[in-house]
């Protein structure tokens, strides 16, 4: 990662992850490049993982479904059906 320019604002790992994911969804290559330069690659991967985890938990809570069913459903994997009471 290049040396930080003291005139530029500092960004934390969660800001970088949120911006990176948003730019990816919006297919904004310039913003992707910008956000990926804010933190180290390992820190960005951690932030993206944390964002994904929180999003899946929030969606599962909103749907009243198990976290695993929601995660698998978002990826189109088998076993995504919510558990049904017997």
N, C-alpha and C. Protein backbone atom coordinates (compact mmCIF):
# COMPACT_ATOMS: atom_id res chain seq x y z
N UNK A 1 0.85 -1.16 0.00
CA UNK A 1 0.00 0.00 0.00
C UNK A 1 0.90 1.23 0.00
N UNK A 2 0.59 2.23 -0.85
CA UNK A 2 1.42 3.41 -0.90
C UNK A 2 1.33 4.22 0.38
N UNK A 3 2.34 5.06 0.60
CA UNK A 3 2.33 5.92 1.79
C UNK A 3 1.12 6.82 1.76
N UNK A 4 0.54 7.02 2.94
CA UNK A 4 -0.65 7.84 3.05
C UNK A 4 -0.31 9.31 2.89
N UNK A 5 -1.13 10.00 2.11
CA UNK A 5 -0.99 11.44 1.92
C UNK A 5 -1.59 12.12 3.15
N UNK A 6 -0.79 12.90 3.88
CA UNK A 6 -1.32 13.52 5.10
C UNK A 6 -2.48 14.49 4.84
N UNK A 7 -2.64 14.95 3.61
CA UNK A 7 -3.74 15.85 3.29
C UNK A 7 -5.06 15.15 3.05
N UNK A 8 -5.02 13.83 2.90
CA UNK A 8 -6.25 13.06 2.63
C UNK A 8 -6.83 12.53 3.93
N UNK A 9 -8.14 12.47 4.01
CA UNK A 9 -8.76 11.95 5.24
C UNK A 9 -8.43 10.48 5.44
N UNK A 10 -8.37 10.07 6.71
CA UNK A 10 -8.15 8.66 7.03
C UNK A 10 -9.49 7.94 7.00
N UNK A 11 -9.43 6.70 6.58
CA UNK A 11 -10.64 5.87 6.53
C UNK A 11 -10.37 4.61 7.33
N UNK A 12 -11.39 4.14 8.02
CA UNK A 12 -11.21 2.90 8.77
C UNK A 12 -11.66 1.71 7.92
N UNK A 13 -11.43 0.53 8.44
CA UNK A 13 -11.69 -0.70 7.70
C UNK A 13 -13.17 -0.84 7.34
N UNK A 14 -14.06 -0.36 8.20
CA UNK A 14 -15.49 -0.50 7.92
C UNK A 14 -15.95 0.49 6.86
N UNK A 15 -15.40 1.68 6.86
CA UNK A 15 -15.69 2.64 5.78
C UNK A 15 -15.20 2.09 4.45
N UNK A 16 -14.02 1.53 4.45
CA UNK A 16 -13.46 0.95 3.23
C UNK A 16 -14.33 -0.19 2.72
N UNK A 17 -14.75 -1.06 3.62
CA UNK A 17 -15.57 -2.21 3.22
C UNK A 17 -16.92 -1.76 2.68
N UNK A 18 -17.57 -0.83 3.36
CA UNK A 18 -18.89 -0.36 2.91
C UNK A 18 -18.78 0.31 1.55
N UNK A 19 -17.76 1.12 1.36
CA UNK A 19 -17.57 1.80 0.07
C UNK A 19 -17.23 0.81 -1.02
N UNK A 20 -16.38 -0.16 -0.71
CA UNK A 20 -15.95 -1.16 -1.69
C UNK A 20 -17.15 -2.01 -2.15
N UNK A 21 -17.95 -2.47 -1.21
CA UNK A 21 -19.10 -3.30 -1.56
C UNK A 21 -20.13 -2.49 -2.35
N UNK A 22 -20.39 -1.27 -1.92
CA UNK A 22 -21.32 -0.41 -2.64
C UNK A 22 -20.82 -0.16 -4.06
N UNK A 23 -19.55 0.13 -4.22
CA UNK A 23 -18.98 0.37 -5.54
C UNK A 23 -19.07 -0.89 -6.41
N UNK A 24 -18.89 -2.04 -5.81
CA UNK A 24 -19.01 -3.29 -6.55
C UNK A 24 -20.43 -3.48 -7.07
N UNK A 25 -21.40 -3.25 -6.21
CA UNK A 25 -22.81 -3.39 -6.61
C UNK A 25 -23.15 -2.40 -7.73
N UNK A 26 -22.60 -1.18 -7.62
CA UNK A 26 -22.88 -0.14 -8.60
C UNK A 26 -21.95 -0.20 -9.82
N UNK A 27 -21.04 -1.18 -9.83
CA UNK A 27 -20.08 -1.37 -10.92
C UNK A 27 -19.27 -0.09 -11.18
N UNK A 28 -18.80 0.51 -10.09
CA UNK A 28 -18.03 1.74 -10.15
C UNK A 28 -16.55 1.41 -9.91
N UNK A 29 -15.82 1.16 -10.99
CA UNK A 29 -14.42 0.72 -10.90
C UNK A 29 -13.53 1.76 -10.23
N UNK A 30 -13.78 3.03 -10.49
CA UNK A 30 -12.96 4.07 -9.87
C UNK A 30 -13.12 4.08 -8.36
N UNK A 31 -14.33 3.94 -7.90
CA UNK A 31 -14.59 3.92 -6.46
C UNK A 31 -14.03 2.65 -5.82
N UNK A 32 -14.10 1.53 -6.55
CA UNK A 32 -13.50 0.28 -6.06
C UNK A 32 -12.01 0.48 -5.83
N UNK A 33 -11.35 1.06 -6.81
CA UNK A 33 -9.91 1.30 -6.69
C UNK A 33 -9.61 2.24 -5.53
N UNK A 34 -10.42 3.28 -5.39
CA UNK A 34 -10.21 4.23 -4.31
C UNK A 34 -10.34 3.55 -2.94
N UNK A 35 -11.44 2.84 -2.74
CA UNK A 35 -11.68 2.19 -1.45
C UNK A 35 -10.62 1.13 -1.14
N UNK A 36 -10.16 0.43 -2.16
CA UNK A 36 -9.17 -0.62 -1.92
C UNK A 36 -7.82 -0.04 -1.52
N UNK A 37 -7.60 1.24 -1.74
CA UNK A 37 -6.37 1.88 -1.33
C UNK A 37 -6.41 2.47 0.07
N UNK A 38 -7.56 2.46 0.70
CA UNK A 38 -7.70 3.07 2.02
C UNK A 38 -7.10 2.22 3.14
N UNK A 39 -7.11 0.92 2.98
CA UNK A 39 -6.61 0.00 4.01
C UNK A 39 -5.86 -1.14 3.33
N UNK A 40 -5.19 -1.97 4.11
CA UNK A 40 -4.48 -3.10 3.54
C UNK A 40 -5.48 -4.12 2.98
N UNK A 41 -5.04 -4.96 2.04
CA UNK A 41 -5.95 -5.99 1.51
C UNK A 41 -6.53 -6.90 2.59
N UNK A 42 -5.72 -7.28 3.58
CA UNK A 42 -6.23 -8.13 4.67
C UNK A 42 -7.30 -7.41 5.48
N UNK A 43 -7.08 -6.13 5.75
CA UNK A 43 -8.07 -5.35 6.50
C UNK A 43 -9.35 -5.21 5.70
N UNK A 44 -9.23 -4.98 4.39
CA UNK A 44 -10.42 -4.85 3.55
C UNK A 44 -11.20 -6.17 3.54
N UNK A 45 -10.50 -7.29 3.42
CA UNK A 45 -11.17 -8.60 3.44
C UNK A 45 -11.88 -8.81 4.77
N UNK A 46 -11.25 -8.44 5.88
CA UNK A 46 -11.89 -8.54 7.18
C UNK A 46 -13.16 -7.69 7.22
N UNK A 47 -13.08 -6.46 6.75
CA UNK A 47 -14.23 -5.56 6.77
C UNK A 47 -15.37 -6.08 5.91
N UNK A 48 -15.05 -6.60 4.74
CA UNK A 48 -16.09 -7.16 3.86
C UNK A 48 -16.75 -8.37 4.52
N UNK A 49 -15.95 -9.22 5.15
CA UNK A 49 -16.49 -10.37 5.86
C UNK A 49 -17.42 -9.92 7.00
N UNK A 50 -17.01 -8.93 7.74
CA UNK A 50 -17.83 -8.42 8.84
C UNK A 50 -19.13 -7.83 8.31
N UNK A 51 -19.06 -7.08 7.22
CA UNK A 51 -20.26 -6.51 6.61
C UNK A 51 -21.21 -7.61 6.14
N UNK A 52 -20.67 -8.63 5.49
CA UNK A 52 -21.50 -9.75 5.03
C UNK A 52 -22.16 -10.47 6.20
N UNK A 53 -21.40 -10.70 7.25
CA UNK A 53 -21.95 -11.39 8.43
C UNK A 53 -23.09 -10.60 9.04
N UNK A 54 -22.87 -9.30 9.22
CA UNK A 54 -23.91 -8.45 9.82
C UNK A 54 -25.14 -8.37 8.93
N UNK A 55 -24.94 -8.31 7.62
CA UNK A 55 -26.06 -8.23 6.69
C UNK A 55 -26.90 -9.51 6.73
N UNK A 56 -26.24 -10.65 6.75
CA UNK A 56 -26.96 -11.93 6.78
C UNK A 56 -27.73 -12.07 8.09
N UNK A 57 -27.11 -11.68 9.19
CA UNK A 57 -27.79 -11.75 10.49
C UNK A 57 -29.02 -10.84 10.49
N UNK A 58 -28.87 -9.62 9.99
CA UNK A 58 -29.99 -8.68 9.96
C UNK A 58 -31.12 -9.20 9.08
N UNK A 59 -30.77 -9.75 7.93
CA UNK A 59 -31.79 -10.29 7.03
C UNK A 59 -32.48 -11.51 7.64
N UNK A 60 -31.71 -12.37 8.28
CA UNK A 60 -32.30 -13.55 8.93
C UNK A 60 -33.26 -13.12 10.03
N UNK A 61 -32.87 -12.14 10.83
CA UNK A 61 -33.75 -11.64 11.88
C UNK A 61 -35.02 -11.04 11.30
N UNK A 62 -34.89 -10.26 10.24
CA UNK A 62 -36.06 -9.63 9.61
C UNK A 62 -37.01 -10.67 9.01
N UNK A 63 -36.46 -11.75 8.50
CA UNK A 63 -37.27 -12.81 7.89
C UNK A 63 -37.74 -13.84 8.91
N UNK A 64 -37.13 -13.86 10.07
CA UNK A 64 -37.44 -14.89 11.04
C UNK A 64 -36.95 -16.26 10.59
N UNK A 65 -35.84 -16.29 9.89
CA UNK A 65 -35.28 -17.53 9.36
C UNK A 65 -33.90 -17.76 9.95
N UNK A 66 -33.43 -19.01 9.91
CA UNK A 66 -32.08 -19.30 10.40
C UNK A 66 -31.02 -18.61 9.53
N UNK A 67 -29.95 -18.19 10.16
CA UNK A 67 -28.86 -17.51 9.46
C UNK A 67 -28.33 -18.37 8.31
N UNK A 68 -28.12 -19.66 8.56
CA UNK A 68 -27.57 -20.51 7.52
C UNK A 68 -28.50 -20.59 6.31
N UNK A 69 -29.81 -20.69 6.55
CA UNK A 69 -30.76 -20.75 5.43
C UNK A 69 -30.69 -19.48 4.60
N UNK A 70 -30.58 -18.34 5.25
CA UNK A 70 -30.50 -17.07 4.53
C UNK A 70 -29.20 -16.99 3.74
N UNK A 71 -28.08 -17.32 4.37
CA UNK A 71 -26.78 -17.26 3.69
C UNK A 71 -26.77 -18.18 2.47
N UNK A 72 -27.25 -19.40 2.64
CA UNK A 72 -27.26 -20.34 1.52
C UNK A 72 -28.22 -19.88 0.43
N UNK A 73 -29.36 -19.32 0.84
CA UNK A 73 -30.34 -18.82 -0.13
C UNK A 73 -29.78 -17.67 -0.96
N UNK A 74 -29.06 -16.76 -0.33
CA UNK A 74 -28.47 -15.64 -1.06
C UNK A 74 -27.49 -16.11 -2.13
N UNK A 75 -26.85 -17.23 -1.87
CA UNK A 75 -25.88 -17.78 -2.82
C UNK A 75 -26.48 -18.84 -3.74
N UNK A 76 -27.77 -19.12 -3.58
CA UNK A 76 -28.43 -20.11 -4.42
C UNK A 76 -27.99 -21.53 -4.17
N UNK A 77 -27.59 -21.82 -2.93
CA UNK A 77 -27.11 -23.16 -2.58
C UNK A 77 -28.24 -24.03 -2.04
N UNK A 78 -28.11 -25.35 -2.17
CA UNK A 78 -29.10 -26.24 -1.59
C UNK A 78 -29.11 -26.09 -0.06
N UNK A 79 -30.24 -26.40 0.51
CA UNK A 79 -30.37 -26.32 1.97
C UNK A 79 -30.78 -24.92 2.43
N UNK A 80 -31.27 -24.13 1.50
CA UNK A 80 -31.64 -22.76 1.82
C UNK A 80 -33.04 -22.63 2.38
N UNK A 81 -33.77 -23.72 2.36
CA UNK A 81 -35.14 -23.65 2.85
C UNK A 81 -35.16 -23.42 4.36
N UNK A 82 -35.97 -22.47 4.81
CA UNK A 82 -36.04 -22.24 6.25
C UNK A 82 -36.60 -23.47 6.96
N UNK A 83 -36.17 -23.69 8.20
CA UNK A 83 -36.70 -24.82 8.96
C UNK A 83 -38.16 -24.58 9.27
N UNK A 84 -38.90 -25.62 9.16
CA UNK A 84 -40.33 -25.55 9.45
C UNK A 84 -40.61 -26.33 10.73
N UNK A 85 -41.40 -25.77 11.63
CA UNK A 85 -41.72 -26.54 12.83
C UNK A 85 -42.48 -27.81 12.47
N UNK A 86 -42.22 -28.87 13.20
CA UNK A 86 -42.88 -30.17 12.92
C UNK A 86 -44.28 -30.19 13.45
